All heavy atoms as atom14 arrays in JSON, in Angstrom:
{
  "sequence": "SLLKWGEAAQGAQKWDVAIQQYKKFLAERDPERRTDNFEKGAFYINLA",
  "atom14_mask": [
    [1, 1, 1, 1, 1, 1, 0, 0, 0, 0, 0, 0, 0, 0],
    [1, 1, 1, 1, 1, 1, 1, 1, 0, 0, 0, 0, 0, 0],
    [1, 1, 1, 1, 1, 1, 1, 1, 0, 0, 0, 0, 0, 0],
    [1, 1, 1, 1, 1, 1, 1, 1, 1, 0, 0, 0, 0, 0],
    [1, 1, 1, 1, 1, 1, 1, 1, 1, 1, 1, 1, 1, 1],
    [1, 1, 1, 1, 0, 0, 0, 0, 0, 0, 0, 0, 0, 0],
    [1, 1, 1, 1, 1, 1, 1, 1, 1, 0, 0, 0, 0, 0],
    [1, 1, 1, 1, 1, 0, 0, 0, 0, 0, 0, 0, 0, 0],
    [1, 1, 1, 1, 1, 0, 0, 0, 0, 0, 0, 0, 0, 0],
    [1, 1, 1, 1, 1, 1, 1, 1, 1, 0, 0, 0, 0, 0],
    [1, 1, 1, 1, 0, 0, 0, 0, 0, 0, 0, 0, 0, 0],
    [1, 1, 1, 1, 1, 0, 0, 0, 0, 0, 0, 0, 0, 0],
    [1, 1, 1, 1, 1, 1, 1, 1, 1, 0, 0, 0, 0, 0],
    [1, 1, 1, 1, 1, 1, 1, 1, 1, 0, 0, 0, 0, 0],
    [1, 1, 1, 1, 1, 1, 1, 1, 1, 1, 1, 1, 1, 1],
    [1, 1, 1, 1, 1, 1, 1, 1, 0, 0, 0, 0, 0, 0],
    [1, 1, 1, 1, 1, 1, 1, 0, 0, 0, 0, 0, 0, 0],
    [1, 1, 1, 1, 1, 0, 0, 0, 0, 0, 0, 0, 0, 0],
    [1, 1, 1, 1, 1, 1, 1, 1, 0, 0, 0, 0, 0, 0],
    [1, 1, 1, 1, 1, 1, 1, 1, 1, 0, 0, 0, 0, 0],
    [1, 1, 1, 1, 1, 1, 1, 1, 1, 0, 0, 0, 0, 0],
    [1, 1, 1, 1, 1, 1, 1, 1, 1, 1, 1, 1, 0, 0],
    [1, 1, 1, 1, 1, 1, 1, 1, 1, 0, 0, 0, 0, 0],
    [1, 1, 1, 1, 1, 1, 1, 1, 1, 0, 0, 0, 0, 0],
    [1, 1, 1, 1, 1, 1, 1, 1, 1, 1, 1, 0, 0, 0],
    [1, 1, 1, 1, 1, 1, 1, 1, 0, 0, 0, 0, 0, 0],
    [1, 1, 1, 1, 1, 0, 0, 0, 0, 0, 0, 0, 0, 0],
    [1, 1, 1, 1, 1, 1, 1, 1, 1, 0, 0, 0, 0, 0],
    [1, 1, 1, 1, 1, 1, 1, 1, 1, 1, 1, 0, 0, 0],
    [1, 1, 1, 1, 1, 1, 1, 1, 0, 0, 0, 0, 0, 0],
    [1, 1, 1, 1, 1, 1, 1, 0, 0, 0, 0, 0, 0, 0],
    [1, 1, 1, 1, 1, 1, 1, 1, 1, 0, 0, 0, 0, 0],
    [1, 1, 1, 1, 1, 1, 1, 1, 1, 1, 1, 0, 0, 0],
    [1, 1, 1, 1, 1, 1, 1, 1, 1, 1, 1, 0, 0, 0],
    [1, 1, 1, 1, 1, 1, 1, 0, 0, 0, 0, 0, 0, 0],
    [1, 1, 1, 1, 1, 1, 1, 1, 0, 0, 0, 0, 0, 0],
    [1, 1, 1, 1, 1, 1, 1, 1, 0, 0, 0, 0, 0, 0],
    [1, 1, 1, 1, 1, 1, 1, 1, 1, 1, 1, 0, 0, 0],
    [1, 1, 1, 1, 1, 1, 1, 1, 1, 0, 0, 0, 0, 0],
    [1, 1, 1, 1, 1, 1, 1, 1, 1, 0, 0, 0, 0, 0],
    [1, 1, 1, 1, 0, 0, 0, 0, 0, 0, 0, 0, 0, 0],
    [1, 1, 1, 1, 1, 0, 0, 0, 0, 0, 0, 0, 0, 0],
    [1, 1, 1, 1, 1, 1, 1, 1, 1, 1, 1, 0, 0, 0],
    [1, 1, 1, 1, 1, 1, 1, 1, 1, 1, 1, 1, 0, 0],
    [1, 1, 1, 1, 1, 1, 1, 1, 0, 0, 0, 0, 0, 0],
    [1, 1, 1, 1, 1, 1, 1, 1, 0, 0, 0, 0, 0, 0],
    [1, 1, 1, 1, 1, 1, 1, 1, 0, 0, 0, 0, 0, 0],
    [1, 1, 1, 1, 1, 0, 0, 0, 0, 0, 0, 0, 0, 0]
  ],
  "atom14_positions": [
    [[0.84, -1.22, -0.02], [-0.01, 0.01, 0.05], [0.86, 1.26, 0.0], [0.46, 2.31, -0.51], [-0.95, -0.01, 1.22], [-0.23, 0.06, 2.43], [0.0, 0.0, 0.0], [0.0, 0.0, 0.0], [0.0, 0.0, 0.0], [0.0, 0.0, 0.0], [0.0, 0.0, 0.0], [0.0, 0.0, 0.0], [0.0, 0.0, 0.0], [0.0, 0.0, 0.0]],
    [[2.09, 1.16, 0.51], [3.01, 2.38, 0.47], [3.36, 2.69, -1.02], [3.41, 3.89, -1.33], [4.23, 2.0, 1.21], [4.16, 1.94, 2.76], [5.46, 1.4, 3.4], [3.83, 3.29, 3.37], [0.0, 0.0, 0.0], [0.0, 0.0, 0.0], [0.0, 0.0, 0.0], [0.0, 0.0, 0.0], [0.0, 0.0, 0.0], [0.0, 0.0, 0.0]],
    [[3.6, 1.66, -1.79], [3.9, 1.87, -3.21], [2.74, 2.6, -3.96], [2.94, 3.55, -4.62], [4.22, 0.57, -3.93], [4.44, 0.56, -5.37], [5.63, 1.47, -5.78], [4.6, -0.86, -5.97], [0.0, 0.0, 0.0], [0.0, 0.0, 0.0], [0.0, 0.0, 0.0], [0.0, 0.0, 0.0], [0.0, 0.0, 0.0], [0.0, 0.0, 0.0]],
    [[1.52, 2.04, -3.7], [0.41, 2.59, -4.35], [0.03, 3.96, -3.83], [-0.48, 4.84, -4.51], [-0.84, 1.6, -4.24], [-0.54, 0.27, -4.92], [-0.28, 0.49, -6.42], [0.07, -0.77, -7.19], [0.36, -0.51, -8.59], [0.0, 0.0, 0.0], [0.0, 0.0, 0.0], [0.0, 0.0, 0.0], [0.0, 0.0, 0.0], [0.0, 0.0, 0.0]],
    [[0.26, 4.17, -2.45], [0.07, 5.44, -1.91], [0.97, 6.48, -2.64], [0.51, 7.62, -2.94], [0.5, 5.36, -0.36], [0.29, 6.56, 0.45], [-0.04, 7.84, 0.07], [0.35, 6.56, 1.87], [-0.18, 8.68, 1.17], [0.05, 7.89, 2.34], [0.68, 5.6, 2.84], [0.08, 8.3, 3.69], [0.59, 5.95, 4.2], [0.34, 7.29, 4.6]],
    [[2.22, 6.1, -2.91], [3.1, 6.97, -3.68], [2.54, 7.24, -5.09], [2.61, 8.41, -5.55], [0.0, 0.0, 0.0], [0.0, 0.0, 0.0], [0.0, 0.0, 0.0], [0.0, 0.0, 0.0], [0.0, 0.0, 0.0], [0.0, 0.0, 0.0], [0.0, 0.0, 0.0], [0.0, 0.0, 0.0], [0.0, 0.0, 0.0], [0.0, 0.0, 0.0]],
    [[2.05, 6.23, -5.77], [1.49, 6.46, -7.07], [0.26, 7.37, -7.06], [0.08, 8.23, -7.92], [1.09, 5.13, -7.66], [2.28, 4.2, -8.02], [1.86, 2.88, -8.62], [0.72, 2.75, -8.93], [2.75, 1.97, -8.69], [0.0, 0.0, 0.0], [0.0, 0.0, 0.0], [0.0, 0.0, 0.0], [0.0, 0.0, 0.0], [0.0, 0.0, 0.0]],
    [[-0.54, 7.23, -6.02], [-1.72, 8.09, -5.89], [-1.32, 9.53, -5.64], [-1.88, 10.48, -6.24], [-2.65, 7.6, -4.8], [0.0, 0.0, 0.0], [0.0, 0.0, 0.0], [0.0, 0.0, 0.0], [0.0, 0.0, 0.0], [0.0, 0.0, 0.0], [0.0, 0.0, 0.0], [0.0, 0.0, 0.0], [0.0, 0.0, 0.0], [0.0, 0.0, 0.0]],
    [[-0.28, 9.73, -4.79], [0.2, 11.05, -4.49], [0.83, 11.65, -5.75], [0.66, 12.85, -5.99], [1.23, 11.0, -3.37], [0.0, 0.0, 0.0], [0.0, 0.0, 0.0], [0.0, 0.0, 0.0], [0.0, 0.0, 0.0], [0.0, 0.0, 0.0], [0.0, 0.0, 0.0], [0.0, 0.0, 0.0], [0.0, 0.0, 0.0], [0.0, 0.0, 0.0]],
    [[1.51, 10.91, -6.59], [2.06, 11.38, -7.81], [0.91, 11.78, -8.72], [1.06, 12.81, -9.36], [2.87, 10.24, -8.45], [3.53, 10.74, -9.79], [4.49, 9.63, -10.31], [4.79, 8.64, -9.71], [4.9, 9.81, -11.62], [0.0, 0.0, 0.0], [0.0, 0.0, 0.0], [0.0, 0.0, 0.0], [0.0, 0.0, 0.0], [0.0, 0.0, 0.0]],
    [[-0.14, 11.0, -8.77], [-1.24, 11.37, -9.61], [-1.9, 12.68, -9.21], [-2.39, 13.5, -10.06], [0.0, 0.0, 0.0], [0.0, 0.0, 0.0], [0.0, 0.0, 0.0], [0.0, 0.0, 0.0], [0.0, 0.0, 0.0], [0.0, 0.0, 0.0], [0.0, 0.0, 0.0], [0.0, 0.0, 0.0], [0.0, 0.0, 0.0], [0.0, 0.0, 0.0]],
    [[-1.84, 12.93, -7.83], [-2.47, 14.14, -7.3], [-1.43, 15.28, -7.3], [-1.68, 16.39, -6.76], [-2.84, 13.87, -5.84], [0.0, 0.0, 0.0], [0.0, 0.0, 0.0], [0.0, 0.0, 0.0], [0.0, 0.0, 0.0], [0.0, 0.0, 0.0], [0.0, 0.0, 0.0], [0.0, 0.0, 0.0], [0.0, 0.0, 0.0], [0.0, 0.0, 0.0]],
    [[-0.2, 15.01, -7.95], [0.82, 16.04, -8.03], [1.31, 16.48, -6.63], [1.79, 17.56, -6.47], [0.41, 17.24, -8.86], [0.09, 16.83, -10.31], [-0.26, 18.06, -11.2], [-0.1, 19.22, -10.81], [-0.64, 17.76, -12.39], [0.0, 0.0, 0.0], [0.0, 0.0, 0.0], [0.0, 0.0, 0.0], [0.0, 0.0, 0.0], [0.0, 0.0, 0.0]],
    [[1.31, 15.6, -5.7], [1.88, 15.76, -4.38], [3.27, 15.11, -4.41], [3.43, 14.1, -3.9], [0.96, 15.25, -3.25], [-0.32, 15.93, -3.18], [-1.18, 15.37, -2.04], [-2.54, 16.15, -1.95], [-3.45, 15.64, -0.83], [0.0, 0.0, 0.0], [0.0, 0.0, 0.0], [0.0, 0.0, 0.0], [0.0, 0.0, 0.0], [0.0, 0.0, 0.0]],
    [[4.19, 15.81, -5.02], [5.47, 15.2, -5.43], [6.23, 14.78, -4.18], [6.83, 13.62, -4.2], [6.27, 16.14, -6.19], [5.55, 16.8, -7.35], [5.29, 18.13, -7.52], [4.96, 16.12, -8.48], [4.55, 18.28, -8.69], [4.35, 17.19, -9.35], [4.85, 14.75, -8.92], [3.63, 16.84, -10.49], [4.18, 14.46, -10.16], [3.59, 15.48, -10.88]],
    [[6.37, 15.59, -3.2], [7.2, 15.25, -1.97], [6.52, 14.12, -1.23], [7.27, 13.21, -0.74], [7.33, 16.48, -1.08], [8.2, 17.54, -1.63], [9.09, 17.21, -2.47], [7.98, 18.75, -1.33], [0.0, 0.0, 0.0], [0.0, 0.0, 0.0], [0.0, 0.0, 0.0], [0.0, 0.0, 0.0], [0.0, 0.0, 0.0], [0.0, 0.0, 0.0]],
    [[5.27, 14.05, -1.21], [4.59, 12.93, -0.47], [4.81, 11.64, -1.24], [5.13, 10.58, -0.68], [2.97, 13.12, -0.45], [2.34, 11.92, 0.13], [2.67, 14.4, 0.48], [0.0, 0.0, 0.0], [0.0, 0.0, 0.0], [0.0, 0.0, 0.0], [0.0, 0.0, 0.0], [0.0, 0.0, 0.0], [0.0, 0.0, 0.0], [0.0, 0.0, 0.0]],
    [[4.77, 11.72, -2.55], [5.04, 10.57, -3.39], [6.49, 10.0, -3.17], [6.68, 8.86, -3.02], [4.83, 10.85, -4.87], [0.0, 0.0, 0.0], [0.0, 0.0, 0.0], [0.0, 0.0, 0.0], [0.0, 0.0, 0.0], [0.0, 0.0, 0.0], [0.0, 0.0, 0.0], [0.0, 0.0, 0.0], [0.0, 0.0, 0.0], [0.0, 0.0, 0.0]],
    [[7.47, 10.95, -3.2], [8.84, 10.52, -2.98], [8.95, 9.9, -1.59], [9.67, 8.84, -1.47], [9.76, 11.86, -3.07], [9.81, 12.31, -4.5], [11.12, 11.42, -2.54], [10.49, 13.65, -4.63], [0.0, 0.0, 0.0], [0.0, 0.0, 0.0], [0.0, 0.0, 0.0], [0.0, 0.0, 0.0], [0.0, 0.0, 0.0], [0.0, 0.0, 0.0]],
    [[8.31, 10.45, -0.58], [8.46, 9.9, 0.74], [7.94, 8.48, 0.82], [8.53, 7.55, 1.4], [7.67, 10.79, 1.71], [7.62, 10.28, 3.16], [6.79, 11.21, 4.06], [6.17, 12.15, 3.63], [6.69, 10.83, 5.24], [0.0, 0.0, 0.0], [0.0, 0.0, 0.0], [0.0, 0.0, 0.0], [0.0, 0.0, 0.0], [0.0, 0.0, 0.0]],
    [[6.76, 8.25, 0.21], [6.14, 6.94, 0.32], [6.88, 5.92, -0.6], [6.97, 4.72, -0.24], [4.64, 6.99, -0.15], [3.77, 7.96, 0.73], [3.99, 7.65, 2.15], [4.0, 6.52, 2.61], [4.05, 8.7, 3.04], [0.0, 0.0, 0.0], [0.0, 0.0, 0.0], [0.0, 0.0, 0.0], [0.0, 0.0, 0.0], [0.0, 0.0, 0.0]],
    [[7.42, 6.32, -1.74], [8.23, 5.46, -2.55], [9.43, 4.97, -1.77], [9.79, 3.75, -1.79], [8.66, 6.18, -3.82], [7.55, 6.23, -4.9], [7.49, 7.4, -5.74], [6.64, 5.27, -5.17], [6.64, 7.57, -6.69], [5.75, 5.42, -6.06], [5.64, 6.52, -6.89], [4.69, 6.61, -7.86], [0.0, 0.0, 0.0], [0.0, 0.0, 0.0]],
    [[10.09, 5.89, -1.12], [11.32, 5.54, -0.36], [11.0, 4.68, 0.85], [11.69, 3.76, 1.18], [12.03, 6.81, 0.08], [12.73, 7.55, -1.05], [13.44, 8.79, -0.52], [14.21, 9.46, -1.65], [14.96, 10.62, -1.2], [0.0, 0.0, 0.0], [0.0, 0.0, 0.0], [0.0, 0.0, 0.0], [0.0, 0.0, 0.0], [0.0, 0.0, 0.0]],
    [[9.84, 4.98, 1.44], [9.38, 4.21, 2.66], [9.09, 2.68, 2.16], [9.45, 1.78, 2.9], [8.2, 4.85, 3.26], [7.73, 4.21, 4.57], [6.59, 5.09, 5.16], [6.12, 4.48, 6.57], [7.16, 4.52, 7.54], [0.0, 0.0, 0.0], [0.0, 0.0, 0.0], [0.0, 0.0, 0.0], [0.0, 0.0, 0.0], [0.0, 0.0, 0.0]],
    [[8.53, 2.6, 1.02], [8.2, 1.26, 0.51], [9.52, 0.49, 0.28], [9.64, -0.72, 0.66], [7.41, 1.36, -0.84], [7.35, 0.07, -1.56], [6.55, -0.95, -1.2], [8.15, -0.12, -2.72], [6.51, -2.15, -1.89], [8.06, -1.3, -3.42], [7.26, -2.32, -3.0], [0.0, 0.0, 0.0], [0.0, 0.0, 0.0], [0.0, 0.0, 0.0]],
    [[10.53, 1.08, -0.36], [11.82, 0.49, -0.56], [12.43, 0.02, 0.73], [13.05, -1.05, 0.81], [12.73, 1.4, -1.27], [12.66, 1.46, -2.78], [13.94, 2.31, -3.34], [12.77, 0.07, -3.4], [0.0, 0.0, 0.0], [0.0, 0.0, 0.0], [0.0, 0.0, 0.0], [0.0, 0.0, 0.0], [0.0, 0.0, 0.0], [0.0, 0.0, 0.0]],
    [[12.34, 0.86, 1.78], [13.0, 0.54, 3.08], [12.22, -0.54, 3.81], [12.84, -1.3, 4.52], [13.01, 1.81, 3.93], [0.0, 0.0, 0.0], [0.0, 0.0, 0.0], [0.0, 0.0, 0.0], [0.0, 0.0, 0.0], [0.0, 0.0, 0.0], [0.0, 0.0, 0.0], [0.0, 0.0, 0.0], [0.0, 0.0, 0.0], [0.0, 0.0, 0.0]],
    [[10.94, -0.68, 3.62], [10.17, -1.64, 4.39], [9.77, -2.94, 3.74], [9.39, -3.87, 4.39], [8.88, -1.02, 4.93], [9.13, 0.2, 5.9], [7.83, 0.72, 6.56], [6.79, 0.07, 6.48], [7.92, 1.84, 7.07], [0.0, 0.0, 0.0], [0.0, 0.0, 0.0], [0.0, 0.0, 0.0], [0.0, 0.0, 0.0], [0.0, 0.0, 0.0]],
    [[9.91, -2.96, 2.39], [9.45, -4.22, 1.72], [10.37, -5.37, 2.0], [11.54, -5.22, 2.36], [9.53, -3.89, 0.12], [10.91, -3.72, -0.46], [10.8, -3.51, -1.92], [10.37, -4.74, -2.59], [11.27, -5.65, -3.16], [12.63, -5.46, -2.98], [10.79, -6.68, -3.73], [0.0, 0.0, 0.0], [0.0, 0.0, 0.0], [0.0, 0.0, 0.0]],
    [[9.79, -6.53, 1.9], [10.44, -7.82, 2.14], [10.64, -8.48, 0.75], [9.73, -8.87, 0.12], [9.62, -8.71, 2.98], [10.36, -10.0, 3.29], [11.43, -10.26, 2.68], [9.86, -10.83, 4.11], [0.0, 0.0, 0.0], [0.0, 0.0, 0.0], [0.0, 0.0, 0.0], [0.0, 0.0, 0.0], [0.0, 0.0, 0.0], [0.0, 0.0, 0.0]],
    [[11.94, -8.47, 0.27], [12.15, -9.03, -1.05], [11.65, -10.42, -1.2], [11.47, -10.94, -2.35], [13.62, -8.92, -1.26], [14.15, -7.87, -0.31], [13.14, -8.02, 0.82], [0.0, 0.0, 0.0], [0.0, 0.0, 0.0], [0.0, 0.0, 0.0], [0.0, 0.0, 0.0], [0.0, 0.0, 0.0], [0.0, 0.0, 0.0], [0.0, 0.0, 0.0]],
    [[11.53, -11.16, -0.2], [11.1, -12.57, -0.2], [9.56, -12.73, -0.22], [9.1, -13.81, -0.55], [11.73, -13.33, 1.04], [13.18, -13.23, 1.18], [13.89, -13.9, -0.07], [13.36, -14.89, -0.52], [14.88, -13.34, -0.55], [0.0, 0.0, 0.0], [0.0, 0.0, 0.0], [0.0, 0.0, 0.0], [0.0, 0.0, 0.0], [0.0, 0.0, 0.0]],
    [[8.82, -11.67, 0.02], [7.42, -11.72, 0.0], [6.89, -11.4, -1.33], [7.16, -10.36, -1.93], [6.83, -10.78, 1.05], [5.35, -10.99, 1.28], [4.78, -9.98, 2.3], [5.42, -10.02, 3.55], [5.97, -9.01, 4.21], [5.96, -7.83, 3.64], [6.48, -9.14, 5.33], [0.0, 0.0, 0.0], [0.0, 0.0, 0.0], [0.0, 0.0, 0.0]],
    [[6.06, -12.22, -1.93], [5.55, -12.08, -3.27], [4.76, -10.76, -3.44], [4.75, -10.17, -4.47], [4.8, -13.38, -3.77], [4.53, -13.37, -5.25], [4.39, -14.8, -5.65], [3.27, -15.48, -4.97], [2.12, -15.61, -5.52], [1.74, -15.22, -6.63], [1.17, -16.35, -4.77], [0.0, 0.0, 0.0], [0.0, 0.0, 0.0], [0.0, 0.0, 0.0]],
    [[3.96, -10.48, -2.45], [3.09, -9.27, -2.54], [3.9, -8.0, -2.47], [3.33, -6.95, -2.62], [2.0, -9.32, -1.47], [2.6, -9.61, -0.19], [0.95, -10.35, -1.7], [0.0, 0.0, 0.0], [0.0, 0.0, 0.0], [0.0, 0.0, 0.0], [0.0, 0.0, 0.0], [0.0, 0.0, 0.0], [0.0, 0.0, 0.0], [0.0, 0.0, 0.0]],
    [[5.2, -8.04, -2.12], [6.01, -6.88, -2.08], [6.8, -6.63, -3.37], [7.65, -5.75, -3.55], [7.02, -6.95, -0.89], [6.29, -6.7, 0.44], [5.04, -6.52, 0.41], [7.05, -6.66, 1.49], [0.0, 0.0, 0.0], [0.0, 0.0, 0.0], [0.0, 0.0, 0.0], [0.0, 0.0, 0.0], [0.0, 0.0, 0.0], [0.0, 0.0, 0.0]],
    [[6.53, -7.56, -4.33], [7.22, -7.38, -5.66], [6.7, -6.18, -6.39], [5.59, -5.75, -6.12], [6.98, -8.61, -6.55], [7.73, -9.84, -6.1], [8.65, -9.72, -5.27], [7.3, -11.0, -6.49], [0.0, 0.0, 0.0], [0.0, 0.0, 0.0], [0.0, 0.0, 0.0], [0.0, 0.0, 0.0], [0.0, 0.0, 0.0], [0.0, 0.0, 0.0]],
    [[7.49, -5.55, -7.29], [7.14, -4.37, -8.01], [7.92, -4.28, -9.3], [8.9, -4.93, -9.45], [7.37, -3.15, -7.08], [8.84, -2.86, -6.86], [9.43, -1.72, -7.38], [9.58, -3.61, -6.01], [10.8, -1.43, -7.16], [10.94, -3.33, -5.76], [11.58, -2.25, -6.37], [0.0, 0.0, 0.0], [0.0, 0.0, 0.0], [0.0, 0.0, 0.0]],
    [[7.43, -3.5, -10.21], [8.03, -3.24, -11.48], [9.07, -2.2, -11.32], [8.75, -1.0, -11.25], [7.0, -2.87, -12.51], [5.91, -3.95, -12.8], [4.93, -3.5, -13.89], [5.1, -2.37, -14.42], [4.06, -4.35, -14.2], [0.0, 0.0, 0.0], [0.0, 0.0, 0.0], [0.0, 0.0, 0.0], [0.0, 0.0, 0.0], [0.0, 0.0, 0.0]],
    [[10.3, -2.66, -11.29], [11.47, -1.73, -10.93], [11.65, -0.61, -11.98], [11.94, 0.53, -11.63], [12.75, -2.55, -10.79], [12.72, -3.51, -9.61], [14.06, -4.25, -9.54], [13.99, -5.18, -8.31], [13.04, -6.21, -8.43], [0.0, 0.0, 0.0], [0.0, 0.0, 0.0], [0.0, 0.0, 0.0], [0.0, 0.0, 0.0], [0.0, 0.0, 0.0]],
    [[11.46, -0.9, -13.25], [11.63, 0.12, -14.19], [10.63, 1.27, -14.07], [11.07, 2.4, -14.01], [0.0, 0.0, 0.0], [0.0, 0.0, 0.0], [0.0, 0.0, 0.0], [0.0, 0.0, 0.0], [0.0, 0.0, 0.0], [0.0, 0.0, 0.0], [0.0, 0.0, 0.0], [0.0, 0.0, 0.0], [0.0, 0.0, 0.0], [0.0, 0.0, 0.0]],
    [[9.39, 0.94, -13.98], [8.39, 2.0, -13.75], [8.57, 2.67, -12.39], [8.42, 3.93, -12.31], [6.97, 1.33, -13.71], [0.0, 0.0, 0.0], [0.0, 0.0, 0.0], [0.0, 0.0, 0.0], [0.0, 0.0, 0.0], [0.0, 0.0, 0.0], [0.0, 0.0, 0.0], [0.0, 0.0, 0.0], [0.0, 0.0, 0.0], [0.0, 0.0, 0.0]],
    [[9.03, 1.95, -11.38], [9.25, 2.55, -10.01], [10.26, 3.66, -10.11], [10.05, 4.78, -9.65], [9.68, 1.55, -9.06], [10.02, 2.09, -7.67], [9.0, 2.21, -6.78], [11.29, 2.37, -7.36], [9.29, 2.74, -5.5], [11.64, 2.84, -6.06], [10.59, 3.05, -5.21], [0.0, 0.0, 0.0], [0.0, 0.0, 0.0], [0.0, 0.0, 0.0]],
    [[11.45, 3.45, -10.69], [12.51, 4.41, -10.73], [12.2, 5.56, -11.67], [12.63, 6.72, -11.45], [13.88, 3.73, -11.05], [14.45, 2.99, -9.89], [14.33, 1.6, -9.77], [14.97, 3.66, -8.81], [14.83, 0.9, -8.74], [15.5, 2.99, -7.75], [15.41, 1.59, -7.65], [15.85, 0.94, -6.56], [0.0, 0.0, 0.0], [0.0, 0.0, 0.0]],
    [[11.49, 5.29, -12.83], [11.01, 6.38, -13.66], [10.1, 7.27, -12.95], [10.17, 8.54, -12.97], [10.36, 5.81, -14.91], [11.41, 5.08, -15.89], [9.6, 6.9, -15.64], [12.47, 6.05, -16.43], [0.0, 0.0, 0.0], [0.0, 0.0, 0.0], [0.0, 0.0, 0.0], [0.0, 0.0, 0.0], [0.0, 0.0, 0.0], [0.0, 0.0, 0.0]],
    [[9.14, 6.71, -12.13], [8.2, 7.54, -11.37], [8.94, 8.37, -10.34], [8.58, 9.47, -10.08], [7.11, 6.65, -10.69], [6.09, 6.15, -11.7], [5.85, 6.8, -12.69], [5.43, 5.08, -11.34], [0.0, 0.0, 0.0], [0.0, 0.0, 0.0], [0.0, 0.0, 0.0], [0.0, 0.0, 0.0], [0.0, 0.0, 0.0], [0.0, 0.0, 0.0]],
    [[9.87, 7.75, -9.66], [10.62, 8.44, -8.64], [11.43, 9.59, -9.23], [11.54, 10.67, -8.63], [11.54, 7.47, -7.92], [12.17, 7.78, -6.55], [11.09, 8.4, -5.64], [12.87, 6.63, -5.96], [0.0, 0.0, 0.0], [0.0, 0.0, 0.0], [0.0, 0.0, 0.0], [0.0, 0.0, 0.0], [0.0, 0.0, 0.0], [0.0, 0.0, 0.0]],
    [[11.94, 9.36, -10.43], [12.73, 10.44, -11.11], [11.77, 11.55, -11.53], [12.02, 12.78, -11.32], [13.38, 9.86, -12.44], [0.0, 0.0, 0.0], [0.0, 0.0, 0.0], [0.0, 0.0, 0.0], [0.0, 0.0, 0.0], [0.0, 0.0, 0.0], [0.0, 0.0, 0.0], [0.0, 0.0, 0.0], [0.0, 0.0, 0.0], [0.0, 0.0, 0.0]]
  ]
}
């Protein structure tokens, strides 16, 4: 939900909120958990 929270904030043009949630997702995700998987290319483009 942190990743999607970031995407929603990006859609609302709340850029700093989006950056915060994207970074929080990276920090808290468990690479071994399937539901924490994400599309890395789109993620870093969105963050950029």
